[in-house]
């Protein structure tokens, strides 16, 4: 089935209030590429301001807690994101899995919390370099998929983002064949578990995506979009990726 291309900017821990103009420029340019769904996930401090500055656009969080409330200092619950108008949340990014020790079970609980709050969820998976070099990348990622993806969800509301850890922010990029093989394996695992619903799910690629390589990566088999880090911080770098997706969409 035809799946709309989906391009998501993960601003990570970047951006002060003066960055809102870049978001407005990105969303304005994205309006000219109507075949692509575009979202930006800025730091928590900018979500409300960005929503106010770009009404009706998809803005979200980079993480959420699995609980709806409680004594979890420094954490943000999925209903809190929804309450301020967010529509998307990223869970399981490698910088959370690696840096904060998040397990597959924790990522799954966060995904369930996001979905329960009415948010679209982008669930990240990906292997470290030593696993890729040992030839175990597909098994490693499929184990993450099995442990992290909830049992019940609307396939339109849950996307998988494959981000090889060794490619994030390094400038290193897997071959198009490797990306296609991984995305095909993920799609196959989802189909085995969820049947026809897997065809409606979008699988994004992330890891040093930029305007120069976006067209080639987005044209790989079973690649439905991109989760973009550093190149999403400015319209000058992000819009060409959106444009590349539009050509293919």
Protein backbone atom coordinates (compact mmCIF):
# COMPACT_ATOMS: atom_id res chain seq x y z
CA UNK A 1 0.00 0.00 0.00
CA UNK A 2 1.10 3.59 -0.54
CA UNK A 3 2.52 5.22 2.57
CA UNK A 4 3.05 8.97 2.83
CA UNK A 5 6.64 10.03 3.36
CA UNK A 6 7.33 11.26 6.89
CA UNK A 7 10.23 13.56 7.74
CA UNK A 8 10.85 14.37 11.40
CA UNK A 9 13.35 16.80 12.89
CA UNK A 10 14.87 15.84 16.24
CA UNK A 11 16.44 19.01 17.59
CA UNK A 12 17.92 17.16 20.59
CA UNK A 13 19.32 19.58 23.22
CA UNK A 14 19.55 22.49 20.80
CA UNK A 15 17.60 25.68 20.40
CA UNK A 16 16.64 28.76 22.39
CA UNK A 17 13.66 31.01 21.78
CA UNK A 18 15.32 32.69 18.80
CA UNK A 19 15.22 29.34 16.96
CA UNK A 20 11.45 29.52 16.55
CA UNK A 21 11.93 31.49 13.33
CA UNK A 22 13.72 28.50 11.80
CA UNK A 23 10.80 26.26 12.69
CA UNK A 24 8.37 28.69 11.09
CA UNK A 25 10.50 28.77 7.95
CA UNK A 26 10.65 24.97 7.84
CA UNK A 27 6.91 24.53 8.22
CA UNK A 28 6.22 27.28 5.69
CA UNK A 29 8.44 25.61 3.11
CA UNK A 30 6.92 22.22 3.94
CA UNK A 31 3.53 23.57 2.91
CA UNK A 32 4.87 23.53 -0.64
CA UNK A 33 5.48 19.78 -0.38
CA UNK A 34 2.04 18.54 0.50
CA UNK A 35 2.79 14.87 -0.12
CA UNK A 36 5.14 14.76 2.89
CA UNK A 37 4.21 14.75 6.58
CA UNK A 38 6.65 16.93 8.54
CA UNK A 39 7.16 17.16 12.29
CA UNK A 40 9.68 18.84 14.58
CA UNK A 41 10.57 17.63 18.06
CA UNK A 42 12.37 20.50 19.84
CA UNK A 43 13.51 20.58 23.48
CA UNK A 44 10.66 20.55 25.99
CA UNK A 45 11.19 24.26 26.67
CA UNK A 46 10.29 25.20 23.09
CA UNK A 47 7.30 22.94 22.45
CA UNK A 48 4.59 25.33 23.60
CA UNK A 49 6.18 28.33 21.91
CA UNK A 50 6.64 26.43 18.65
CA UNK A 51 3.03 25.23 18.66
CA UNK A 52 1.85 28.81 19.18
CA UNK A 53 4.12 30.08 16.40
CA UNK A 54 3.14 27.33 13.94
CA UNK A 55 -0.50 26.46 14.66
CA UNK A 56 -1.75 23.25 13.18
CA UNK A 57 1.73 21.86 12.57
CA UNK A 58 3.10 18.64 14.04
CA UNK A 59 5.29 19.44 17.04
CA UNK A 60 6.32 16.91 19.65
CA UNK A 61 8.57 15.74 22.43
CA UNK A 62 11.82 13.81 22.34
CA UNK A 63 10.84 11.54 25.22
CA UNK A 64 8.11 10.93 27.78
CA UNK A 65 7.76 9.04 31.03
CA UNK A 66 5.74 5.85 31.11
CA UNK A 67 3.67 7.06 34.07
CA UNK A 68 0.89 9.62 33.73
CA UNK A 69 2.02 11.51 36.85
CA UNK A 70 3.98 11.05 40.03
CA UNK A 71 7.23 11.66 41.87
CA UNK A 72 9.55 11.57 38.86
CA UNK A 73 11.62 14.72 39.14
CA UNK A 74 12.72 16.11 35.81
CA UNK A 75 10.43 13.88 33.75
CA UNK A 76 7.53 14.81 31.48
CA UNK A 77 4.44 12.63 31.07
CA UNK A 78 2.78 11.94 27.73
CA UNK A 79 -0.52 13.58 28.84
CA UNK A 80 1.49 16.73 29.64
CA UNK A 81 2.78 16.82 26.08
CA UNK A 82 -0.73 16.33 24.73
CA UNK A 83 -2.04 19.00 27.09
CA UNK A 84 0.17 21.70 25.58
CA UNK A 85 -0.76 20.69 22.05
CA UNK A 86 2.01 18.28 21.09
CA UNK A 87 0.99 15.58 18.65
CA UNK A 88 4.15 13.44 18.44
CA UNK A 89 6.70 11.86 20.77
CA UNK A 90 9.98 10.06 20.12
CA UNK A 91 10.79 7.09 22.37
CA UNK A 92 13.75 4.77 22.58
CA UNK A 93 16.31 6.99 20.86
CA UNK A 94 19.78 5.48 21.19
CA UNK A 95 20.90 8.49 23.19
CA UNK A 96 18.24 7.48 25.74
CA UNK A 97 18.92 3.76 25.51
CA UNK A 98 22.68 4.18 25.74
CA UNK A 99 22.99 7.28 27.90
CA UNK A 100 20.18 6.53 30.35
CA UNK A 101 20.15 2.75 30.24
CA UNK A 102 16.61 2.44 28.91
CA UNK A 103 15.60 -1.17 28.29
CA UNK A 104 13.28 -2.49 25.62
CA UNK A 105 10.62 -2.92 28.31
CA UNK A 106 10.93 0.73 29.34
CA UNK A 107 10.75 1.88 25.73
CA UNK A 108 7.66 -0.23 25.21
CA UNK A 109 6.01 1.27 28.30
CA UNK A 110 6.79 4.78 27.03
CA UNK A 111 5.35 3.95 23.62
CA UNK A 112 2.19 2.65 25.26
CA UNK A 113 1.95 5.83 27.35
CA UNK A 114 2.34 8.04 24.30
CA UNK A 115 -0.31 6.15 22.36
CA UNK A 116 -2.70 6.21 25.33
CA UNK A 117 -2.31 10.00 25.47
CA UNK A 118 -3.30 10.29 21.82
CA UNK A 119 0.19 11.04 20.52
CA UNK A 120 1.79 9.61 17.42
CA UNK A 121 4.85 7.65 18.48
CA UNK A 122 8.20 7.31 16.74
CA UNK A 123 9.97 4.30 18.25
CA UNK A 124 13.71 4.11 17.63
CA UNK A 125 15.87 1.04 17.17
CA UNK A 126 19.44 0.60 15.99
CA UNK A 127 22.68 -1.29 16.49
CA UNK A 128 26.14 -0.20 17.74
CA UNK A 129 29.10 -0.38 15.40
CA UNK A 130 30.60 -3.55 16.89
CA UNK A 131 27.36 -5.42 16.26
CA UNK A 132 27.24 -4.20 12.66
CA UNK A 133 30.85 -5.27 12.10
CA UNK A 134 30.20 -8.70 13.63
CA UNK A 135 27.34 -9.34 11.21
CA UNK A 136 24.65 -9.39 13.87
CA UNK A 137 22.89 -6.10 13.09
CA UNK A 138 19.58 -7.51 11.83
CA UNK A 139 19.18 -9.95 14.74
CA UNK A 140 20.03 -7.18 17.21
CA UNK A 141 17.50 -4.73 15.79
CA UNK A 142 14.75 -7.32 15.43
CA UNK A 143 15.22 -8.18 19.10
CA UNK A 144 14.68 -4.51 19.92
CA UNK A 145 11.56 -4.46 17.75
CA UNK A 146 10.20 -7.55 19.47
CA UNK A 147 10.82 -6.13 22.94
CA UNK A 148 9.90 -2.49 22.34
CA UNK A 149 6.81 -2.48 20.10
CA UNK A 150 3.49 -2.70 21.99
CA UNK A 151 1.03 -5.49 21.25
CA UNK A 152 -1.87 -3.20 20.39
CA UNK A 153 -1.83 0.09 18.51
CA UNK A 154 -3.18 1.95 15.53
CA UNK A 155 -0.58 1.32 12.79
CA UNK A 156 -1.10 4.89 11.57
CA UNK A 157 0.02 6.15 14.98
CA UNK A 158 3.25 4.20 15.45
CA UNK A 159 6.32 4.57 13.26
CA UNK A 160 9.63 2.76 13.63
CA UNK A 161 12.86 4.71 13.15
CA UNK A 162 15.93 2.67 12.32
CA UNK A 163 19.02 4.61 13.38
CA UNK A 164 22.32 2.72 13.38
CA UNK A 165 24.03 4.15 16.44
CA UNK A 166 27.39 4.39 14.70
CA UNK A 167 25.89 6.62 11.97
CA UNK A 168 24.26 9.20 14.25
CA UNK A 169 26.08 12.51 13.96
CA UNK A 170 29.24 10.88 12.65
CA UNK A 171 28.87 11.43 8.93
CA UNK A 172 29.08 7.66 8.45
CA UNK A 173 26.15 6.21 6.50
CA UNK A 174 25.35 2.56 5.77
CA UNK A 175 25.01 1.54 2.16
CA UNK A 176 21.61 1.85 0.54
CA UNK A 177 21.56 -1.94 0.24
CA UNK A 178 22.18 -2.30 3.99
CA UNK A 179 19.41 0.19 4.77
CA UNK A 180 16.98 -1.61 2.47
CA UNK A 181 17.89 -4.98 3.98
CA UNK A 182 17.31 -3.73 7.52
CA UNK A 183 14.04 -2.01 6.69
CA UNK A 184 12.85 -5.10 4.85
CA UNK A 185 13.71 -7.27 7.85
CA UNK A 186 11.85 -4.92 10.19
CA UNK A 187 8.81 -4.92 7.89
CA UNK A 188 8.93 -8.71 7.75
CA UNK A 189 9.08 -9.03 11.53
CA UNK A 190 6.16 -6.62 11.93
CA UNK A 191 4.14 -8.56 9.33
CA UNK A 192 4.80 -11.84 11.09
CA UNK A 193 3.50 -10.37 14.33
CA UNK A 194 0.77 -7.99 13.17
CA UNK A 195 -0.25 -9.23 9.73
CA UNK A 196 -1.58 -6.72 7.24
CA UNK A 197 -1.28 -3.85 9.75
CA UNK A 198 2.47 -3.87 9.13
CA UNK A 199 1.92 -2.53 5.63
CA UNK A 200 0.39 0.64 7.08
CA UNK A 201 3.31 1.31 9.43
CA UNK A 202 6.00 3.74 8.39
CA UNK A 203 9.66 2.86 8.88
CA UNK A 204 12.01 5.83 8.92
CA UNK A 205 15.78 5.92 8.49
CA UNK A 206 17.98 8.11 10.65
CA UNK A 207 21.72 8.64 10.91
CA UNK A 208 23.64 11.46 9.20
CA UNK A 209 20.81 12.19 6.75
CA UNK A 210 21.40 15.40 4.79
CA UNK A 211 20.36 17.13 1.61
CA UNK A 212 23.03 15.36 -0.41
CA UNK A 213 22.15 11.77 0.51
CA UNK A 214 18.43 12.05 1.32
CA UNK A 215 17.12 11.19 -2.14
CA UNK A 216 19.15 7.99 -2.35
CA UNK A 217 18.34 6.86 1.20
CA UNK A 218 14.64 7.69 0.95
CA UNK A 219 14.38 5.71 -2.27
CA UNK A 220 15.66 2.53 -0.63
CA UNK A 221 13.21 -0.31 -0.17
CA UNK A 222 10.75 0.05 2.72
CA UNK A 223 12.10 3.49 3.70
CA UNK A 224 9.12 5.73 4.38
CA UNK A 225 10.91 8.82 5.63
CA UNK A 226 13.68 10.14 7.81
CA UNK A 227 14.39 11.05 11.41
CA UNK A 228 16.88 13.89 11.10
CA UNK A 229 19.13 15.32 13.79
CA UNK A 230 21.60 18.14 13.15
CA UNK A 231 20.41 18.84 9.62
CA UNK A 232 16.92 19.65 10.95
CA UNK A 233 18.03 22.69 12.94
CA UNK A 234 17.85 25.13 10.04
CA UNK A 235 15.51 25.52 7.10
CA UNK A 236 18.50 25.73 4.76
CA UNK A 237 19.54 22.18 5.63
CA UNK A 238 16.20 20.57 6.47
CA UNK A 239 14.01 21.74 3.61
CA UNK A 240 16.12 19.98 0.93
CA UNK A 241 15.48 16.69 2.75
CA UNK A 242 11.74 17.38 2.76
CA UNK A 243 11.93 18.27 -0.93
CA UNK A 244 13.74 15.01 -1.69
CA UNK A 245 10.99 13.08 0.09
CA UNK A 246 8.33 14.95 -1.87
CA UNK A 247 9.83 13.90 -5.19
CA UNK A 248 9.54 10.27 -4.11
CA UNK A 249 6.17 10.65 -2.38
